[in-house]
Amino acid sequence: MPELAIQARGLGKAYRRYRHPVHRLWEAMTRRPSHNEVVALAGVDFEVPAGEGLGIIGENGAGKSTLLKLLCGVTQPSSGSFRVDGKVAAILELGAGFHPEFSGRENAVLNAALLGLSEAEVAAALPRILDFCELGSFVDEPVKTYSTGMAMRLAFSIATQVEPQVLIIDEALSVGDGYFQKKCMDRMRQFVDGGGTVLFCSHAMYYVSALCRRALWLRHGKVAAYGPVLEVIRAYEDYLLAKQTAAAEHEEPRAAAPSPARILDVRQIRRGPAGEIASEAAGYRYGDRFELEVEWRSDDPRLAFSIGVGVNRFDGVEVCAFGSNLDGVPVPGGVGHHRVRLVVPELPLVKGTFTLFVYLLDEAGLHVYDQRIVERAFTVENDAYVFGLIRPPHRWEAVARELSTAERNR
């Protein structure tokens, strides 16, 4: 069994809420309760083996931040117990632990020392911290002048460059730009591959699935699901979809942040007597050739890419997925317009209507630059009624029956 880095048993946290400050004094004097108890966590059990990532997911107010504060020792549990082995570095709230009047450099020295580094170790780590955060001349400006993104850069750089055994991240990456988010994800992946343990709280399910082997879904302070990351994420997304469907009110869509790379077009290519024909929706039969062309534009010469394609049945059943990075196939990068084609020589699908999910990713397949969802992108028809979704290549073979001893002796 792998060594456990974190273990929690029956972990709970309740807060006392007083309607007025004087009620605290009244309670202390009379020994009579004058508060309401708010339960933030109740009966939370989980464990994280050393060298793995655990994703903490759930809606706002589910108790995720409370759990991470308990594990970091910021607050004490009301019930249960937990154990964390090794040096812990955490980003819980942006700006927490920073002196606003000190410069980024001075805060880096201070925080590294607070994490237990000696003077010599701080001196050795400081160049790595300043190089990773890429703050330039702002590193010598007071932290109170920093944007939230700049504060995140400094906090993440300190937490990951002081060589902890356990790294705890609470939604900090959501305020960073796309370039630095990718850099952070690459760093955390290297950290886990090197034997480190990560607790990663995020609403970005793709990041959670890419970084973590297991996930913990909290709902109203209790464990709704805990186990393999894809199973837990699927259950959580099904819950959110059902909740969204049942909601009576719909929010106005918000404009997405500009991306350094974006998908321009997704089209299916059919071959006919007159040559290639591009279409948004198409009809196929079992065994037909399937070609999907993806066109995108990049404004950053440093970027390298991969393409991911998912195929779902119209009711959401996941059918199959393709990734250029998983197949070891490089795709064009740098500035300009680029195109690639996914070619399936013989479509194994036998019937149904399908939706395409197309992702423009970084070269490691971790960071999503852009995505395109094509509802009911194509259909597959069949002359006969068939069972299932696919018909894999196969054959039947006759197997000679082996004679029993009695039959051989006749």
Protein backbone atom coordinates (compact mmCIF):
# COMPACT_ATOMS: atom_id res chain seq x y z
CA MET A 1 0.00 0.00 0.00
CA PRO A 2 1.36 3.48 -0.85
CA GLU A 3 2.19 5.77 2.05
CA LEU A 4 -0.58 8.20 2.91
CA ALA A 5 0.30 11.91 2.81
CA ILE A 6 -3.11 13.10 4.04
CA GLN A 7 -5.80 11.29 5.99
CA ALA A 8 -9.08 12.62 7.41
CA ARG A 9 -11.63 10.76 9.53
CA GLY A 10 -15.01 12.21 10.48
CA LEU A 11 -13.71 15.73 9.97
CA GLY A 12 -16.20 18.44 10.89
CA LYS A 13 -16.29 22.18 11.48
CA ALA A 14 -19.10 24.26 12.99
CA TYR A 15 -19.12 28.01 13.56
CA ARG A 16 -21.07 29.98 16.13
CA ARG A 17 -23.13 32.84 14.77
CA TYR A 18 -24.30 35.60 17.10
CA ARG A 19 -26.96 38.08 16.10
CA HIS A 20 -25.22 40.82 18.08
CA PRO A 21 -21.74 41.10 19.65
CA VAL A 22 -23.21 41.57 23.13
CA HIS A 23 -24.66 38.07 22.93
CA ARG A 24 -21.14 36.69 23.23
CA LEU A 25 -20.75 38.41 26.60
CA TRP A 26 -24.22 37.33 27.68
CA GLU A 27 -23.43 33.70 26.82
CA ALA A 28 -20.15 33.79 28.74
CA MET A 29 -21.80 35.30 31.82
CA THR A 30 -24.96 33.19 31.92
CA ARG A 31 -23.58 29.97 30.45
CA ARG A 32 -26.71 29.86 28.31
CA PRO A 33 -26.43 29.42 24.52
CA SER A 34 -27.05 32.67 22.65
CA HIS A 35 -25.85 31.60 19.23
CA ASN A 36 -26.88 29.64 16.18
CA GLU A 37 -24.54 26.91 15.00
CA VAL A 38 -23.57 26.87 11.31
CA VAL A 39 -22.16 23.53 10.16
CA ALA A 40 -19.56 24.05 7.41
CA LEU A 41 -18.28 20.45 7.32
CA ALA A 42 -19.66 17.20 8.73
CA GLY A 43 -18.23 13.70 8.73
CA VAL A 44 -15.68 14.12 5.95
CA ASP A 45 -13.53 11.04 5.29
CA PHE A 46 -10.80 10.74 2.66
CA GLU A 47 -7.15 9.92 2.18
CA VAL A 48 -4.49 10.93 -0.32
CA PRO A 49 -1.49 8.68 -1.04
CA ALA A 50 1.85 10.44 -1.36
CA GLY A 51 2.63 11.43 -4.95
CA GLU A 52 -1.00 11.84 -6.04
CA GLY A 53 -3.36 14.72 -6.69
CA LEU A 54 -6.79 15.04 -5.10
CA GLY A 55 -9.32 17.38 -6.68
CA ILE A 56 -11.78 19.13 -4.34
CA ILE A 57 -14.93 20.07 -6.24
CA GLY A 58 -18.37 21.41 -5.40
CA GLU A 59 -20.52 24.50 -5.58
CA ASN A 60 -19.76 27.73 -3.77
CA GLY A 61 -20.47 27.34 -0.08
CA ALA A 62 -20.01 23.57 -0.13
CA GLY A 63 -17.19 23.67 2.44
CA LYS A 64 -14.17 23.35 0.15
CA SER A 65 -12.23 26.32 1.53
CA THR A 66 -13.09 25.35 5.11
CA LEU A 67 -11.64 21.88 4.51
CA LEU A 68 -8.40 23.29 3.10
CA LYS A 69 -8.07 25.75 6.01
CA LEU A 70 -8.37 22.84 8.43
CA LEU A 71 -5.68 20.87 6.64
CA CYS A 72 -3.37 23.89 6.67
CA GLY A 73 -3.89 24.50 10.38
CA VAL A 74 -5.52 27.91 9.86
CA THR A 75 -8.49 26.79 11.96
CA GLN A 76 -9.19 23.80 14.19
CA PRO A 77 -11.82 21.10 13.60
CA SER A 78 -14.92 20.84 15.76
CA SER A 79 -14.99 17.06 15.36
CA GLY A 80 -12.97 14.26 13.84
CA SER A 81 -9.28 14.18 13.10
CA PHE A 82 -6.78 14.53 10.28
CA ARG A 83 -3.11 13.98 9.58
CA VAL A 84 -0.84 15.69 7.05
CA ASP A 85 2.72 14.38 6.63
CA GLY A 86 5.45 16.63 5.26
CA LYS A 87 6.04 20.31 4.70
CA VAL A 88 2.90 22.09 3.47
CA ALA A 89 2.75 25.11 1.16
CA ALA A 90 -0.65 26.61 0.41
CA ILE A 91 -2.43 29.35 -1.50
CA LEU A 92 -5.76 29.82 0.26
CA GLU A 93 -6.61 33.48 -0.29
CA LEU A 94 -4.76 35.81 -2.62
CA GLY A 95 -2.75 38.31 -0.63
CA ALA A 96 -2.97 36.29 2.59
CA GLY A 97 0.42 36.29 4.27
CA PHE A 98 1.68 39.26 2.24
CA HIS A 99 2.62 42.53 3.92
CA PRO A 100 1.04 45.19 1.67
CA GLU A 101 3.81 47.72 2.30
CA PHE A 102 6.62 45.27 1.53
CA SER A 103 7.80 44.67 -2.01
CA GLY A 104 7.28 41.38 -3.85
CA ARG A 105 10.93 40.49 -3.24
CA GLU A 106 10.65 41.20 0.50
CA ASN A 107 7.44 39.21 0.77
CA ALA A 108 9.06 36.31 -1.05
CA VAL A 109 11.89 36.26 1.50
CA LEU A 110 9.46 36.59 4.41
CA ASN A 111 7.10 33.84 3.23
CA ALA A 112 9.90 31.45 2.36
CA ALA A 113 11.28 31.90 5.88
CA LEU A 114 7.82 31.33 7.38
CA LEU A 115 7.61 28.06 5.46
CA GLY A 116 10.66 26.85 7.36
CA LEU A 117 13.57 27.59 5.03
CA SER A 118 16.89 28.57 6.53
CA GLU A 119 18.64 31.77 5.52
CA ALA A 120 20.83 29.86 3.05
CA GLU A 121 17.82 28.02 1.62
CA VAL A 122 15.92 31.29 1.20
CA ALA A 123 18.87 32.80 -0.66
CA ALA A 124 18.99 29.76 -2.97
CA ALA A 125 15.21 29.73 -3.60
CA LEU A 126 14.76 33.47 -4.18
CA PRO A 127 16.14 33.57 -7.78
CA ARG A 128 13.87 30.66 -8.73
CA ILE A 129 10.84 32.40 -7.21
CA LEU A 130 11.49 35.70 -8.97
CA ASP A 131 12.24 34.00 -12.29
CA PHE A 132 9.05 31.90 -12.22
CA CYS A 133 6.65 34.73 -11.33
CA GLU A 134 7.87 36.96 -14.20
CA LEU A 135 6.92 40.22 -12.47
CA GLY A 136 9.85 42.15 -13.91
CA SER A 137 10.49 45.49 -12.22
CA PHE A 138 7.21 45.19 -10.26
CA VAL A 139 8.91 42.68 -7.97
CA ASP A 140 10.46 45.65 -6.13
CA GLU A 141 7.17 47.56 -5.86
CA PRO A 142 4.86 47.32 -2.81
CA VAL A 143 2.44 44.40 -3.00
CA LYS A 144 -0.47 46.78 -2.32
CA THR A 145 0.01 48.06 -5.90
CA TYR A 146 -0.36 44.55 -7.41
CA SER A 147 -3.36 43.33 -9.35
CA THR A 148 -4.95 40.05 -8.26
CA GLY A 149 -3.21 38.28 -11.12
CA MET A 150 0.18 39.61 -10.07
CA ALA A 151 -0.43 38.60 -6.45
CA MET A 152 -1.34 35.10 -7.66
CA ARG A 153 1.88 34.87 -9.66
CA LEU A 154 3.96 35.74 -6.61
CA ALA A 155 2.01 33.45 -4.25
CA PHE A 156 2.17 30.45 -6.60
CA SER A 157 5.87 30.98 -7.27
CA ILE A 158 6.67 31.02 -3.55
CA ALA A 159 4.51 27.99 -2.78
CA THR A 160 6.01 25.80 -5.53
CA GLN A 161 9.64 26.85 -5.39
CA VAL A 162 10.24 26.20 -1.67
CA GLU A 163 10.10 22.43 -2.32
CA PRO A 164 7.15 21.37 -0.13
CA GLN A 165 5.92 17.79 0.16
CA VAL A 166 2.24 18.84 0.08
CA LEU A 167 0.87 21.67 -2.08
CA ILE A 168 -2.64 23.03 -1.43
CA ILE A 169 -4.22 25.34 -4.02
CA ASP A 170 -7.65 26.92 -3.47
CA GLU A 171 -9.02 28.36 -6.75
CA ALA A 172 -6.07 30.74 -7.12
CA LEU A 173 -5.39 29.94 -10.77
CA SER A 174 -8.77 31.30 -11.89
CA VAL A 175 -7.51 34.90 -11.71
CA GLY A 176 -4.40 34.33 -13.83
CA ASP A 177 -4.04 34.89 -17.54
CA GLY A 178 -3.99 31.92 -19.92
CA TYR A 179 -0.21 31.92 -20.32
CA PHE A 180 0.50 31.77 -16.59
CA GLN A 181 -2.32 29.28 -15.93
CA LYS A 182 -0.60 26.89 -18.35
CA LYS A 183 2.75 27.52 -16.68
CA CYS A 184 1.23 26.75 -13.27
CA MET A 185 -0.42 23.57 -14.52
CA ASP A 186 2.84 22.38 -16.02
CA ARG A 187 4.60 23.09 -12.71
CA MET A 188 2.00 21.21 -10.66
CA ARG A 189 2.17 18.26 -13.05
CA GLN A 190 5.95 18.17 -12.62
CA PHE A 191 5.48 18.42 -8.85
CA VAL A 192 3.17 15.37 -8.76
CA ASP A 193 5.37 13.41 -11.18
CA GLY A 194 8.28 14.12 -8.84
CA GLY A 195 6.49 12.54 -5.88
CA GLY A 196 4.69 15.58 -4.46
CA THR A 197 1.09 15.57 -3.21
CA VAL A 198 -1.45 18.15 -4.41
CA LEU A 199 -4.86 19.17 -3.10
CA PHE A 200 -6.40 21.20 -5.89
CA CYS A 201 -9.71 23.01 -5.43
CA SER A 202 -11.16 24.26 -8.70
CA HIS A 203 -14.32 24.72 -10.74
CA ALA A 204 -12.34 23.85 -13.90
CA MET A 205 -13.12 20.15 -14.30
CA TYR A 206 -10.66 19.72 -17.15
CA TYR A 207 -7.78 20.86 -14.95
CA VAL A 208 -8.94 18.63 -12.10
CA SER A 209 -9.13 15.57 -14.37
CA ALA A 210 -5.73 16.31 -15.91
CA LEU A 211 -3.92 16.77 -12.60
CA CYS A 212 -5.68 14.48 -10.11
CA ARG A 213 -6.20 10.76 -9.85
CA ARG A 214 -9.05 11.06 -7.33
CA ALA A 215 -11.68 13.65 -6.52
CA LEU A 216 -13.76 14.64 -3.51
CA TRP A 217 -17.16 16.23 -4.19
CA LEU A 218 -18.52 18.25 -1.27
CA ARG A 219 -22.17 19.24 -1.09
CA HIS A 220 -23.58 21.21 1.85
CA GLY A 221 -20.51 20.33 3.90
CA LYS A 222 -20.82 16.57 3.37
CA VAL A 223 -19.14 14.12 1.02
CA ALA A 224 -21.38 13.63 -2.01
CA ALA A 225 -18.86 11.42 -3.82
CA TYR A 226 -15.25 10.31 -3.41
CA GLY A 227 -13.26 8.09 -5.73
CA PRO A 228 -11.69 7.96 -9.22
CA VAL A 229 -11.62 11.46 -10.65
CA LEU A 230 -13.59 10.82 -13.84
CA GLU A 231 -16.41 9.03 -12.01
CA VAL A 232 -16.77 11.82 -9.44
CA ILE A 233 -16.62 14.58 -12.07
CA ARG A 234 -19.25 12.83 -14.17
CA ALA A 235 -21.57 12.57 -11.16
CA TYR A 236 -21.00 16.24 -10.29
CA GLU A 237 -21.62 17.42 -13.86
CA ASP A 238 -24.81 15.34 -14.06
CA TYR A 239 -25.98 17.02 -10.86
CA LEU A 240 -25.21 20.49 -12.22
CA LEU A 241 -26.95 19.72 -15.50
CA ALA A 242 -30.08 18.54 -13.71
CA LYS A 243 -30.01 21.63 -11.51
CA GLN A 244 -29.60 23.92 -14.49
CA THR A 245 -32.42 22.23 -16.38
CA ALA A 246 -34.76 22.64 -13.43
CA ALA A 247 -33.90 26.32 -12.87
CA ALA A 248 -36.62 28.75 -13.88
CA GLU A 249 -34.34 31.71 -14.46
CA HIS A 250 -31.53 31.92 -16.99
CA GLU A 251 -28.54 34.21 -16.67
CA GLU A 252 -27.31 36.35 -19.54
CA PRO A 253 -24.14 34.86 -21.10
CA ARG A 254 -20.93 36.62 -20.09
CA ALA A 255 -18.27 37.58 -22.58
CA ALA A 256 -15.28 35.26 -22.49
CA ALA A 257 -11.81 36.61 -21.78
CA PRO A 258 -9.71 37.08 -24.92
CA SER A 259 -7.51 34.12 -25.74
CA PRO A 260 -4.13 34.12 -27.53
CA ALA A 261 -5.45 31.30 -29.73
CA ARG A 262 -8.97 30.59 -30.95
CA ILE A 263 -10.85 28.13 -33.14
CA LEU A 264 -12.06 29.70 -36.37
CA ASP A 265 -13.95 26.83 -37.95
CA VAL A 266 -14.88 23.17 -37.53
CA ARG A 267 -16.15 21.35 -40.61
CA GLN A 268 -16.71 17.83 -41.81
CA ILE A 269 -15.24 16.86 -45.17
CA ARG A 270 -17.14 14.55 -47.50
CA ARG A 271 -15.65 13.19 -50.71
CA GLY A 272 -17.86 12.98 -53.77
CA PRO A 273 -17.52 12.78 -57.56
CA ALA A 274 -16.92 16.55 -57.72
CA GLY A 275 -14.26 16.50 -55.02
CA GLU A 276 -14.30 17.53 -51.36
CA ILE A 277 -17.37 19.13 -49.84
CA ALA A 278 -17.30 20.84 -46.45
CA SER A 279 -20.39 20.77 -44.26
CA GLU A 280 -21.45 21.49 -40.70
CA ALA A 281 -23.82 18.50 -40.51
CA ALA A 282 -23.62 15.26 -42.42
CA GLY A 283 -25.14 11.82 -42.67
CA TYR A 284 -23.09 8.61 -42.60
CA ARG A 285 -23.46 4.87 -42.74
CA TYR A 286 -21.45 2.25 -40.92
CA GLY A 287 -17.95 1.98 -42.42
CA ASP A 288 -17.99 5.39 -44.14
CA ARG A 289 -14.88 7.55 -44.07
CA PHE A 290 -15.09 10.37 -41.52
CA GLU A 291 -12.96 13.51 -41.82
CA LEU A 292 -13.08 16.51 -39.48
CA GLU A 293 -11.08 19.64 -40.26
CA VAL A 294 -10.24 22.14 -37.50
CA GLU A 295 -8.95 25.63 -38.30
CA TRP A 296 -7.55 28.00 -35.69
CA ARG A 297 -5.52 31.17 -35.34
CA SER A 298 -2.69 31.95 -32.93
CA ASP A 299 -1.36 35.40 -32.04
CA ASP A 300 1.53 34.16 -29.87
CA PRO A 301 4.72 32.79 -31.47
CA ARG A 302 5.56 30.86 -28.27
CA LEU A 303 2.49 28.65 -28.31
CA ALA A 304 2.41 25.01 -29.34
CA PHE A 305 -0.85 23.11 -29.68
CA SER A 306 -2.71 19.84 -29.70
CA ILE A 307 -6.28 19.10 -30.79
CA GLY A 308 -8.84 17.12 -28.84
CA VAL A 309 -12.10 15.79 -30.28
CA GLY A 310 -14.87 14.15 -28.29
CA VAL A 311 -17.93 12.38 -29.74
CA ASN A 312 -21.08 12.12 -27.61
CA ARG A 313 -24.45 10.72 -28.48
CA PHE A 314 -27.09 13.47 -28.55
CA ASP A 315 -28.29 12.45 -25.04
CA GLY A 316 -24.84 12.98 -23.54
CA VAL A 317 -23.49 9.42 -23.60
CA GLU A 318 -19.74 9.61 -24.20
CA VAL A 319 -18.82 7.48 -27.21
CA CYS A 320 -15.16 8.10 -28.01
CA ALA A 321 -12.43 10.73 -27.98
CA PHE A 322 -9.27 11.56 -29.94
CA GLY A 323 -6.20 13.59 -28.97
CA SER A 324 -3.30 14.50 -31.24
CA ASN A 325 -0.99 14.63 -28.21
CA LEU A 326 -2.11 11.15 -27.08
CA ASP A 327 -1.30 9.81 -30.55
CA GLY A 328 2.09 11.54 -30.56
CA VAL A 329 1.19 13.61 -33.62
CA PRO A 330 2.54 17.19 -33.64
CA VAL A 331 0.29 19.95 -34.99
CA PRO A 332 1.33 23.42 -36.25
CA GLY A 333 2.17 26.14 -33.71
CA GLY A 334 3.22 29.77 -33.60
CA VAL A 335 1.55 32.81 -35.16
CA GLY A 336 -0.94 32.46 -38.03
CA HIS A 337 -3.78 30.32 -39.34
CA HIS A 338 -3.44 26.57 -38.91
CA ARG A 339 -5.44 23.53 -39.98
CA VAL A 340 -5.43 19.84 -39.15
CA ARG A 341 -7.69 16.95 -40.09
CA LEU A 342 -8.84 14.03 -38.03
CA VAL A 343 -9.40 11.05 -40.35
CA VAL A 344 -11.31 7.92 -39.32
CA PRO A 345 -11.00 5.60 -42.35
CA GLU A 346 -13.98 3.44 -41.39
CA LEU A 347 -16.59 4.80 -38.99
CA PRO A 348 -17.45 2.05 -36.45
CA LEU A 349 -20.71 3.70 -35.38
CA VAL A 350 -23.89 1.92 -36.50
CA LYS A 351 -26.68 4.36 -35.62
CA GLY A 352 -27.55 7.54 -33.79
CA THR A 353 -27.17 11.32 -33.75
CA PHE A 354 -23.91 12.68 -32.36
CA THR A 355 -22.47 15.91 -30.96
CA LEU A 356 -18.85 16.97 -31.49
CA PHE A 357 -16.67 18.59 -28.83
CA VAL A 358 -13.53 20.16 -30.31
CA TYR A 359 -10.76 21.54 -28.07
CA LEU A 360 -7.74 23.67 -28.92
CA LEU A 361 -5.19 22.67 -26.26
CA ASP A 362 -1.57 23.26 -25.37
CA GLU A 363 0.96 20.66 -26.52
CA ALA A 364 0.54 18.60 -23.33
CA GLY A 365 -3.26 18.60 -23.56
CA LEU A 366 -3.65 20.35 -20.18
CA HIS A 367 -4.68 23.93 -20.95
CA VAL A 368 -7.76 24.74 -23.05
CA TYR A 369 -7.29 27.80 -25.27
CA ASP A 370 -10.66 27.50 -26.99
CA GLN A 371 -13.44 25.00 -27.58
CA ARG A 372 -16.28 24.49 -30.02
CA ILE A 373 -19.38 22.37 -29.46
CA VAL A 374 -21.30 21.29 -32.56
CA GLU A 375 -24.72 20.03 -31.50
CA ARG A 376 -26.11 17.13 -33.57
CA ALA A 377 -23.10 17.38 -35.86
CA PHE A 378 -23.80 14.16 -37.76
CA THR A 379 -26.05 11.13 -37.91
CA VAL A 380 -25.40 7.49 -38.72
CA GLU A 381 -28.19 5.44 -40.30
CA ASN A 382 -28.63 1.73 -40.82
CA ASP A 383 -31.04 -0.26 -43.00
CA ALA A 384 -31.63 -2.85 -40.28
CA TYR A 385 -32.35 -2.54 -36.58
CA VAL A 386 -29.07 -3.01 -34.74
CA PHE A 387 -28.15 -3.17 -31.09
CA GLY A 388 -25.60 -0.88 -29.48
CA LEU A 389 -23.58 2.02 -30.88
CA ILE A 390 -20.60 0.42 -32.58
CA ARG A 391 -19.68 -2.65 -34.59
CA PRO A 392 -15.98 -3.35 -34.05
CA PRO A 393 -14.04 -5.36 -36.66
CA HIS A 394 -14.45 -9.02 -35.77
CA ARG A 395 -14.67 -12.57 -37.05
CA TRP A 396 -16.15 -15.91 -35.97
CA GLU A 397 -14.06 -19.06 -35.70
CA ALA A 398 -15.17 -22.66 -35.36
CA VAL A 399 -13.53 -24.36 -32.39
CA ALA A 400 -13.19 -28.16 -32.43
CA ARG A 401 -14.64 -29.84 -29.35
CA GLU A 402 -12.10 -31.72 -27.30
CA LEU A 403 -13.12 -35.36 -26.76
CA SER A 404 -13.47 -36.66 -23.22
CA THR A 405 -11.34 -39.61 -22.00
CA ALA A 406 -14.34 -41.96 -22.24
CA GLU A 407 -15.03 -40.88 -25.82
CA ARG A 408 -11.39 -41.40 -26.80
CA ASN A 409 -11.37 -44.92 -25.29
CA ARG A 410 -14.43 -46.12 -27.21
